[in-house]
Protein backbone atom coordinates (compact mmCIF):
# COMPACT_ATOMS: atom_id res chain seq x y z
CA UNK A 1 29.29 31.08 -33.52
CA UNK A 2 32.80 31.84 -34.68
CA UNK A 3 34.61 32.09 -37.98
CA UNK A 4 36.14 28.83 -39.18
CA UNK A 5 39.78 28.19 -38.77
CA UNK A 6 42.11 28.24 -41.76
CA UNK A 7 42.43 24.41 -42.05
CA UNK A 8 38.65 24.11 -41.96
CA UNK A 9 38.32 26.62 -44.80
CA UNK A 10 40.75 24.64 -46.92
CA UNK A 11 38.90 21.42 -46.16
CA UNK A 12 35.35 22.51 -46.95
CA UNK A 13 36.53 24.17 -50.18
CA UNK A 14 38.10 20.92 -51.38
CA UNK A 15 36.02 19.10 -54.02
CA UNK A 16 32.72 20.55 -52.87
CA UNK A 17 31.11 20.53 -56.27
CA UNK A 18 32.53 17.30 -57.62
CA UNK A 19 31.18 13.82 -57.18
CA UNK A 20 29.66 10.90 -59.07
CA UNK A 21 26.59 12.91 -60.06
CA UNK A 22 27.60 16.59 -59.98
CA UNK A 23 30.21 17.49 -62.61
CA UNK A 24 29.69 21.24 -62.25
CA UNK A 25 33.09 22.37 -60.96
CA UNK A 26 33.72 24.41 -64.12
CA UNK A 27 30.54 26.40 -63.44
CA UNK A 28 30.28 26.45 -59.65
CA UNK A 29 33.68 26.54 -57.99
CA UNK A 30 34.46 26.22 -54.27
CA UNK A 31 35.73 29.81 -54.36
CA UNK A 32 32.31 31.01 -55.56
CA UNK A 33 30.56 29.15 -52.77
CA UNK A 34 32.98 30.51 -50.19
CA UNK A 35 32.56 34.07 -51.50
CA UNK A 36 28.75 33.83 -51.46
CA UNK A 37 28.77 32.45 -47.92
CA UNK A 38 31.02 35.24 -46.66
CA UNK A 39 29.14 37.94 -48.59
CA UNK A 40 25.97 36.88 -46.78
CA UNK A 41 27.73 37.25 -43.43
CA UNK A 42 27.43 33.56 -42.56
CA UNK A 43 29.37 32.30 -39.55
CA UNK A 44 29.78 28.64 -38.73
CA UNK A 45 31.59 26.35 -36.37
CA UNK A 46 34.47 24.15 -37.54
CA UNK A 47 32.32 21.07 -38.06
CA UNK A 48 30.97 18.89 -40.81
CA UNK A 49 27.75 20.77 -41.62
CA UNK A 50 29.31 23.97 -42.96
CA UNK A 51 27.17 26.05 -45.34
CA UNK A 52 29.21 24.83 -48.30
CA UNK A 53 28.85 21.14 -47.41
CA UNK A 54 25.14 21.69 -46.70
CA UNK A 55 24.69 23.37 -50.07
CA UNK A 56 26.48 20.48 -51.75
CA UNK A 57 24.24 17.91 -50.01
CA UNK A 58 21.12 19.95 -50.85
CA UNK A 59 22.17 19.88 -54.50
CA UNK A 60 22.35 16.10 -54.22
CA UNK A 61 18.78 16.01 -52.98
CA UNK A 62 17.50 18.06 -55.90
CA UNK A 63 19.18 15.96 -58.60
CA UNK A 64 18.38 12.64 -56.93
CA UNK A 65 14.99 11.18 -57.98
CA UNK A 66 14.54 9.84 -54.44
CA UNK A 67 15.56 13.10 -52.81
CA UNK A 68 15.50 11.91 -49.20
CA UNK A 69 17.58 13.45 -46.43
CA UNK A 70 18.95 9.99 -45.62
CA UNK A 71 20.37 9.64 -49.14
CA UNK A 72 21.88 13.13 -48.91
CA UNK A 73 23.67 12.19 -45.68
CA UNK A 74 24.94 8.99 -47.30
CA UNK A 75 26.37 11.09 -50.13
CA UNK A 76 28.23 13.23 -47.61
CA UNK A 77 29.56 10.10 -45.90
CA UNK A 78 30.82 8.75 -49.21
CA UNK A 79 32.47 12.08 -50.02
CA UNK A 80 34.21 12.17 -46.63
CA UNK A 81 35.57 8.66 -47.17
CA UNK A 82 36.95 9.66 -50.58
CA UNK A 83 38.85 12.65 -49.23
CA UNK A 84 40.06 10.82 -46.11
CA UNK A 85 37.86 12.54 -43.50
CA UNK A 86 35.98 11.05 -40.59
CA UNK A 87 32.41 10.46 -41.86
CA UNK A 88 29.50 11.91 -39.92
CA UNK A 89 26.69 9.96 -38.30
CA UNK A 90 23.90 8.57 -40.46
CA UNK A 91 21.40 10.53 -38.33
CA UNK A 92 19.63 13.10 -40.54
CA UNK A 93 18.88 15.49 -37.67
CA UNK A 94 22.12 17.44 -37.97
CA UNK A 95 21.73 17.78 -41.72
CA UNK A 96 18.12 18.93 -41.34
CA UNK A 97 19.18 21.66 -38.91
CA UNK A 98 22.02 22.67 -41.22
CA UNK A 99 19.57 23.08 -44.13
CA UNK A 100 17.47 25.32 -41.92
CA UNK A 101 20.51 27.50 -41.17
CA UNK A 102 21.58 27.73 -44.81
CA UNK A 103 20.77 31.31 -45.89
CA UNK A 104 18.42 31.68 -48.83
CA UNK A 105 20.54 34.63 -49.98
CA UNK A 106 23.47 32.31 -50.67
CA UNK A 107 21.35 30.11 -52.93
CA UNK A 108 19.90 33.09 -54.80
CA UNK A 109 23.29 34.72 -55.30
CA UNK A 110 24.88 31.55 -56.67
CA UNK A 111 21.94 30.94 -59.03
CA UNK A 112 22.20 34.50 -60.33
CA UNK A 113 25.97 34.32 -60.76
CA UNK A 114 25.70 31.14 -62.81
CA UNK A 115 22.87 32.64 -64.90
CA UNK A 116 24.68 35.92 -65.50
CA UNK A 117 27.87 34.17 -66.51
CA UNK A 118 25.96 31.93 -68.92
CA UNK A 119 24.06 34.88 -70.39
CA UNK A 120 27.26 36.93 -70.81
CA UNK A 121 28.78 34.14 -72.89
CA UNK A 122 25.99 34.19 -75.46
CA UNK A 123 27.05 35.66 -78.76
CA UNK A 124 25.97 39.13 -79.84
CA UNK A 125 24.14 37.72 -82.85
CA UNK A 126 21.80 35.88 -80.49
CA UNK A 127 20.37 39.23 -79.42
CA UNK A 128 17.23 40.47 -81.09
CA UNK A 129 18.05 43.61 -83.12
CA UNK A 130 20.71 44.56 -80.60
CA UNK A 131 18.52 44.05 -77.52
CA UNK A 132 18.69 41.50 -74.76
CA UNK A 133 15.31 39.78 -74.57
CA UNK A 134 14.04 38.39 -71.29
CA UNK A 135 10.85 36.36 -71.09
CA UNK A 136 8.47 36.46 -68.11
CA UNK A 137 6.05 33.67 -67.29
CA UNK A 138 4.44 32.07 -64.28
CA UNK A 139 3.31 28.70 -62.98
CA UNK A 140 2.38 26.93 -59.75
CA UNK A 141 3.99 24.21 -57.64
CA UNK A 142 2.56 22.08 -54.85
CA UNK A 143 4.14 20.83 -51.65
CA UNK A 144 3.46 18.53 -48.67
CA UNK A 145 0.26 19.18 -46.76
CA UNK A 146 1.68 20.41 -43.45
CA UNK A 147 0.14 23.09 -41.18
CA UNK A 148 3.13 25.40 -41.76
CA UNK A 149 2.92 25.08 -45.54
CA UNK A 150 -0.85 25.58 -45.47
CA UNK A 151 -0.43 28.76 -43.45
CA UNK A 152 2.12 30.23 -45.84
CA UNK A 153 0.74 28.84 -49.14
CA UNK A 154 -2.95 28.01 -48.59
CA UNK A 155 -4.65 25.56 -50.90
CA UNK A 156 -7.37 26.89 -53.26
CA UNK A 157 -10.57 27.93 -51.51
CA UNK A 158 -12.57 25.61 -53.75
CA UNK A 159 -11.02 22.58 -52.03
CA UNK A 160 -12.21 21.28 -48.67
CA UNK A 161 -9.80 21.39 -45.77
CA UNK A 162 -7.66 18.27 -45.46
CA UNK A 163 -8.13 17.21 -49.08
CA UNK A 164 -6.00 19.58 -51.15
CA UNK A 165 -2.34 20.53 -51.07
CA UNK A 166 -0.64 23.88 -50.45
CA UNK A 167 0.16 25.69 -53.71
CA UNK A 168 2.76 28.37 -54.36
CA UNK A 169 2.78 30.72 -57.34
CA UNK A 170 6.09 31.13 -59.14
CA UNK A 171 7.03 33.84 -61.66
CA UNK A 172 10.41 33.63 -63.38
CA UNK A 173 12.48 35.66 -65.85
CA UNK A 174 14.36 33.65 -68.49
CA UNK A 175 16.98 34.77 -70.97
CA UNK A 176 15.68 34.24 -74.50
CA UNK A 177 19.09 33.35 -75.93
CA UNK A 178 20.34 30.74 -73.45
CA UNK A 179 17.29 29.99 -71.29
CA UNK A 180 18.90 30.69 -67.90
CA UNK A 181 16.60 31.71 -65.05
CA UNK A 182 17.73 35.25 -64.24
CA UNK A 183 15.32 35.85 -61.38
CA UNK A 184 12.23 34.44 -59.72
CA UNK A 185 9.58 35.36 -57.18
CA UNK A 186 7.36 33.12 -55.05
CA UNK A 187 3.95 33.98 -53.61
CA UNK A 188 0.64 32.51 -52.57
CA UNK A 189 -1.72 31.02 -55.10
CA UNK A 190 -4.46 33.48 -54.09
CA UNK A 191 -4.63 36.77 -52.24
CA UNK A 192 -4.10 40.48 -52.72
CA UNK A 193 -0.75 41.26 -54.31
CA UNK A 194 -0.01 37.58 -54.94
CA UNK A 195 -0.95 37.35 -58.63
CA UNK A 196 1.49 36.85 -61.49
CA UNK A 197 1.51 40.53 -62.41
CA UNK A 198 2.23 41.62 -58.84
CA UNK A 199 5.12 39.17 -58.56
CA UNK A 200 6.40 40.24 -62.00
CA UNK A 201 6.59 43.86 -60.82
CA UNK A 202 9.11 42.79 -58.19
CA UNK A 203 11.28 41.25 -60.92
CA UNK A 204 11.74 44.43 -62.95
CA UNK A 205 15.12 44.87 -61.26
CA UNK A 206 16.31 41.96 -63.42
CA UNK A 207 15.92 44.21 -66.47
CA UNK A 208 18.28 46.96 -67.59
CA UNK A 209 17.52 49.95 -69.78
CA UNK A 210 17.33 48.81 -73.39
CA UNK A 211 16.20 45.26 -72.56
CA UNK A 212 13.03 43.82 -74.07
CA UNK A 213 10.43 42.29 -71.77
CA UNK A 214 8.55 39.53 -73.63
CA UNK A 215 5.34 38.27 -72.01
CA UNK A 216 1.94 36.81 -72.70
CA UNK A 217 -1.35 38.71 -72.71
CA UNK A 218 -1.86 38.39 -68.94
CA UNK A 219 0.96 40.87 -68.30
CA UNK A 220 -0.12 43.44 -70.90
CA UNK A 221 -1.88 45.74 -68.45
CA UNK A 222 -1.24 49.45 -68.12
CA UNK A 223 0.71 49.15 -64.88
CA UNK A 224 3.45 46.74 -65.98
CA UNK A 225 3.89 48.30 -69.43
CA UNK A 226 4.13 51.82 -67.96
CA UNK A 227 6.46 50.77 -65.12
CA UNK A 228 8.75 48.99 -67.59
CA UNK A 229 8.77 51.98 -69.95
CA UNK A 230 9.72 54.29 -67.08
CA UNK A 231 12.83 52.14 -66.54
CA UNK A 232 13.75 52.24 -70.22
CA UNK A 233 12.63 48.63 -70.71
CA UNK A 234 10.78 47.86 -73.94
CA UNK A 235 7.66 45.72 -73.76
CA UNK A 236 6.40 43.16 -76.29
CA UNK A 237 3.32 41.06 -75.57
CA UNK A 238 -0.08 40.09 -76.79
CA UNK A 239 -2.92 42.54 -76.11
CA UNK A 240 -4.82 41.92 -72.89
CA UNK A 241 -8.17 40.19 -73.33
CA UNK A 242 -9.98 43.03 -71.55
CA UNK A 243 -8.62 45.74 -73.86
CA UNK A 244 -10.62 46.73 -76.93
CA UNK A 245 -8.41 47.34 -79.97
CA UNK A 246 -9.68 49.67 -82.72
CA UNK A 247 -7.30 50.22 -85.64
CA UNK A 248 -9.38 53.16 -86.84
CA UNK A 249 -7.97 55.21 -83.98
CA UNK A 250 -4.48 56.56 -83.33
CA UNK A 251 -1.62 57.27 -85.74
CA UNK A 252 -1.63 54.78 -88.60
CA UNK A 253 1.72 53.17 -89.47
CA UNK A 254 0.43 50.58 -91.92
CA UNK A 255 -2.24 47.96 -92.39
CA UNK A 256 -3.10 46.66 -88.94
CA UNK A 257 -0.33 48.76 -87.38
CA UNK A 258 -0.83 51.97 -85.42
CA UNK A 259 0.27 53.95 -82.37
CA UNK A 260 -2.45 54.65 -79.86
CA UNK A 261 -2.51 56.47 -76.52
CA UNK A 262 -3.49 54.44 -73.50
CA UNK A 263 -5.08 56.29 -70.59
CA UNK A 264 -4.32 55.20 -67.05
CA UNK A 265 -7.37 53.52 -65.48
CA UNK A 266 -8.97 55.43 -62.65
CA UNK A 267 -9.43 52.25 -60.60
CA UNK A 268 -6.21 51.14 -58.93
CA UNK A 269 -5.56 47.42 -59.49
CA UNK A 270 -5.03 45.03 -56.59
CA UNK A 271 -1.42 44.79 -55.49
CA UNK A 272 -0.61 48.45 -56.18
CA UNK A 273 -0.24 51.02 -53.44
CA UNK A 274 -1.71 54.47 -53.99
CA UNK A 275 1.79 55.97 -54.15
CA UNK A 276 2.95 53.49 -56.79
CA UNK A 277 -0.15 53.95 -58.93
CA UNK A 278 -0.07 57.76 -58.71
CA UNK A 279 3.59 57.73 -59.81
CA UNK A 280 2.67 56.25 -63.19
CA UNK A 281 2.16 58.68 -66.10
CA UNK A 282 -1.46 59.56 -66.96
CA UNK A 283 -1.05 58.38 -70.57
CA UNK A 284 1.21 56.03 -72.50
CA UNK A 285 1.85 55.77 -76.25
CA UNK A 286 1.76 52.12 -77.32
CA UNK A 287 2.01 50.46 -80.70
CA UNK A 288 -0.57 47.81 -81.60
CA UNK A 289 0.00 45.37 -84.47
CA UNK A 290 -2.35 42.82 -85.97
CA UNK A 291 -0.59 39.49 -86.41
CA UNK A 292 -2.02 36.73 -88.62
CA UNK A 293 -0.99 33.19 -87.74
CA UNK A 294 -1.54 30.54 -90.38
CA UNK A 295 -0.95 26.89 -89.57
CA UNK A 296 -1.39 24.05 -92.06
CA UNK A 297 -4.56 22.17 -91.24
CA UNK A 298 -5.78 24.79 -88.75
CA UNK A 299 -7.92 27.86 -89.16
CA UNK A 300 -6.19 31.21 -89.47
CA UNK A 301 -5.95 33.10 -86.19
CA UNK A 302 -5.52 36.82 -85.62
CA UNK A 303 -3.74 38.25 -82.61
CA UNK A 304 -2.79 41.76 -81.58
CA UNK A 305 0.74 42.39 -80.30
CA UNK A 306 1.34 45.50 -78.18
CA UNK A 307 4.77 47.05 -77.78
CA UNK A 308 6.52 50.23 -76.74
CA UNK A 309 8.89 49.86 -79.73
CA UNK A 310 7.15 52.39 -81.94
CA UNK A 311 9.66 52.71 -84.82
CA UNK A 312 8.08 50.88 -87.81
CA UNK A 313 11.37 50.87 -89.75
CA UNK A 314 13.66 49.55 -87.04
CA UNK A 315 11.01 47.13 -85.74
CA UNK A 316 8.76 45.99 -88.62
CA UNK A 317 5.58 44.05 -87.83
CA UNK A 318 7.00 40.77 -89.16
CA UNK A 319 9.98 40.99 -86.81
CA UNK A 320 7.77 41.69 -83.80
CA UNK A 321 5.44 38.85 -84.78
CA UNK A 322 8.37 36.42 -84.99
CA UNK A 323 9.66 37.64 -81.63
CA UNK A 324 6.33 37.10 -79.92
CA UNK A 325 6.17 33.57 -81.28
CA UNK A 326 9.41 32.86 -79.38
CA UNK A 327 7.65 33.67 -76.12
CA UNK A 328 6.74 29.98 -76.07
CA UNK A 329 10.32 29.20 -74.96
CA UNK A 330 9.35 30.28 -71.43
CA UNK A 331 6.75 27.50 -71.35
CA UNK A 332 9.46 25.01 -72.29
CA UNK A 333 11.81 26.42 -69.63
CA UNK A 334 9.17 26.04 -66.94
CA UNK A 335 8.49 22.50 -68.16
CA UNK A 336 12.20 21.73 -67.83
CA UNK A 337 12.15 23.01 -64.25
CA UNK A 338 8.94 21.29 -63.20
CA UNK A 339 8.97 18.04 -65.17
CA UNK A 340 12.57 17.25 -66.09
CA UNK A 341 13.97 18.37 -62.71
CA UNK A 342 10.91 17.33 -60.70
CA UNK A 343 10.01 20.71 -59.16
CA UNK A 344 6.29 20.22 -59.81
CA UNK A 345 5.81 18.60 -56.40
CA UNK A 346 8.20 19.84 -53.72
CA UNK A 347 9.29 17.76 -50.72
CA UNK A 348 10.10 20.18 -47.89
CA UNK A 349 7.82 20.44 -44.86
CA UNK A 350 8.21 24.14 -43.99
CA UNK A 351 7.77 27.37 -46.01
CA UNK A 352 11.36 28.47 -45.44
CA UNK A 353 12.74 25.22 -46.80
CA UNK A 354 10.20 25.27 -49.65
CA UNK A 355 11.65 28.59 -50.83
CA UNK A 356 15.17 27.20 -50.54
CA UNK A 357 14.17 24.04 -52.42
CA UNK A 358 12.82 26.16 -55.28
CA UNK A 359 16.06 28.13 -55.26
CA UNK A 360 18.13 24.94 -55.40
CA UNK A 361 16.12 23.71 -58.37
CA UNK A 362 16.78 27.01 -60.13
CA UNK A 363 20.50 26.70 -59.32
CA UNK A 364 20.69 23.17 -60.79
CA UNK A 365 18.66 24.32 -63.79
CA UNK A 366 21.10 27.18 -64.44
CA UNK A 367 24.08 24.85 -64.06
CA UNK A 368 22.62 22.58 -66.74
CA UNK A 369 22.00 25.62 -68.95
CA UNK A 370 25.63 26.58 -68.38
CA UNK A 371 26.80 23.20 -69.67
CA UNK A 372 24.50 23.57 -72.68
CA UNK A 373 25.83 27.07 -73.41
CA UNK A 374 29.44 25.84 -73.22
CA UNK A 375 28.64 22.97 -75.58
CA UNK A 376 26.88 25.35 -77.98
CA UNK A 377 29.86 27.73 -78.03
CA UNK A 378 32.20 24.86 -78.83
CA UNK A 379 29.92 23.76 -81.68
CA UNK A 380 29.23 27.29 -82.92
CA UNK A 381 25.46 27.07 -82.71
CA UNK A 382 22.70 28.50 -80.52
CA UNK A 383 22.09 27.07 -77.02
CA UNK A 384 18.38 26.75 -77.77
CA UNK A 385 19.13 24.09 -80.38
CA UNK A 386 20.26 21.68 -77.64
CA UNK A 387 17.77 19.47 -75.82
CA UNK A 388 17.54 20.20 -72.09
CA UNK A 389 16.41 16.68 -71.23
CA UNK A 390 19.15 15.23 -73.45
CA UNK A 391 21.79 17.43 -71.84
CA UNK A 392 20.66 16.47 -68.34
CA UNK A 393 20.78 12.79 -69.28
CA UNK A 394 24.32 13.21 -70.65
CA UNK A 395 25.46 15.06 -67.52
CA UNK A 396 24.24 12.27 -65.25
CA UNK A 397 25.58 9.52 -67.48
CA UNK A 398 29.07 11.00 -67.84
CA UNK A 399 29.44 12.46 -64.35
CA UNK A 400 31.86 9.75 -63.18
CA UNK A 401 34.16 10.38 -66.15
CA UNK A 402 34.12 14.16 -65.66
CA UNK A 403 34.90 13.88 -61.95
CA UNK A 404 37.63 11.27 -62.45
CA UNK A 405 39.41 13.13 -65.27
CA UNK A 406 38.10 16.73 -65.29
CA UNK A 407 39.87 18.03 -68.42
CA UNK A 408 39.24 15.01 -70.65
CA UNK A 409 35.82 14.29 -69.17
CA UNK A 410 34.64 17.88 -69.63
CA UNK A 411 35.58 17.80 -73.32
CA UNK A 412 33.74 14.49 -73.78
CA UNK A 413 30.69 15.85 -71.94
CA UNK A 414 30.50 18.94 -74.15
CA UNK A 415 30.80 16.82 -77.27
CA UNK A 416 27.96 14.53 -76.18
CA UNK A 417 25.73 17.41 -75.06
CA UNK A 418 26.39 19.17 -78.34
CA UNK A 419 24.98 16.15 -80.16
CA UNK A 420 21.65 16.21 -78.25
CA UNK A 421 20.01 18.57 -80.70
CA UNK A 422 16.32 19.40 -81.05
CA UNK A 423 14.69 19.64 -84.44
CA UNK A 424 13.32 22.79 -85.98
CA UNK A 425 9.61 22.42 -85.21
CA UNK A 426 7.77 25.71 -85.81
CA UNK A 427 4.03 25.71 -85.13
CA UNK A 428 4.20 22.26 -83.56
CA UNK A 429 0.84 21.35 -82.07
CA UNK A 430 0.23 18.55 -79.57
CA UNK A 431 -3.06 17.76 -77.77
CA UNK A 432 -2.94 18.15 -73.99
CA UNK A 433 -4.23 14.66 -73.25
CA UNK A 434 -2.93 11.54 -71.50
CA UNK A 435 -2.92 8.19 -73.24
CA UNK A 436 -2.02 6.06 -70.19
CA UNK A 437 -5.03 5.51 -67.94
CA UNK A 438 -4.71 6.21 -64.20
CA UNK A 439 -5.26 3.45 -61.68
CA UNK A 440 -8.95 3.05 -60.80
CA UNK A 441 -8.77 4.51 -57.30
CA UNK A 442 -11.49 6.82 -56.08
CA UNK A 443 -10.65 10.45 -55.53
CA UNK A 444 -10.10 11.63 -51.96
CA UNK A 445 -13.16 13.64 -50.91
CA UNK A 446 -12.72 13.64 -47.12
CA UNK A 447 -9.72 14.28 -44.83
CA UNK A 448 -7.47 11.30 -44.24
CA UNK A 449 -8.26 11.03 -40.51
CA UNK A 450 -11.98 10.82 -41.29
CA UNK A 451 -11.37 8.02 -43.78
CA UNK A 452 -9.22 6.17 -41.25
CA UNK A 453 -12.03 6.34 -38.66
CA UNK A 454 -14.48 4.91 -41.19
CA UNK A 455 -12.12 2.03 -41.93
CA UNK A 456 -11.72 1.30 -38.23
CA UNK A 457 -15.51 1.23 -37.74
CA UNK A 458 -15.93 -1.21 -40.61
CA UNK A 459 -13.20 -3.47 -39.20
CA UNK A 460 -14.96 -3.71 -35.85
């Protein structure tokens, strides 16, 4: 493998991020792609399937509802015709091999660069009491049932072999102000060190001293809170279900508000090494606050929020309660990734490509968030007031205009995206039910080859 020649560099940098469906050149430039490729030490021959062209085609697959390799190759052929280059063969083999060679580090670096640039553009007033707030949450995704995927991401043990699908666990860190995915980690659905808390520990590098980590009750264990505090990261989350809260203990700050000392458990949790667990302090001072949630038509509910922000004047209980209520934005961000962008069911046949496919979804998600942030800045309102699904629909609908006339088209795109606002809907409640009935097919209870054999016997 050798470095590309100078003409080849100029060619693969030309219009890599523009096309009928990808008007992202303002957010992901050819220079950025070239820099990420070189920073990862990638070498390639002077041919069609360069890392940049492969990345561009992979982006096509993610945004295309069909998402087949054949369609991705056809996109590359159409692009080559537009720029006056000899189109490649319609055979998908070369593109499949090129995807396998595309380094995951390039995808991760580009996704982080887009996210960081979007987060840096958020206004100071969108911070919470001077702090950057980053929300942590987790989910799962499924993928094709291949032997390689099953080996890397086994299906749940409760399912019989040949019936279920491989499942991967995903934990992500989102910016509260703009919603960009600042980091993510992928693991197995089950197994030691593969839980949400274990994956979240590996994402603490996405936080800087002074940041606020906002999470649900599952993350409010001693280990994560203490590890975050040791890095100067403040924690805000609901009290863990296994922890008993007694407001008669500790230093009282007000009604339903006190500072109590947590003691490190003697039993080391799964996923922690002995060295890591021993490095944690033996005790930790934590503030616990009783929060009362009243919703019209629903019974009053009481929660306990735990935090390492112990100043009752600078961080009153009402402010912390309002902040915790905004934790729900992470659920909406994951829904945008899984439902709006179709990451719920992945398409790749191997674990390596599954990780890259997740990374490409995150990259596209951050690019859309970048468009939303630019539209919000132009309209002087918060990015969270713009609908993600509406913005994505506008991007696809106006892509041709943006690519044909970048300056004029970009201004039109921002104006349309700015108009796709979401209403102010605090305490919105919707039942998790489906109205449309599924088709009356029986559930699969035996492996497919067994069912085929039964059908063959009945035919004979």
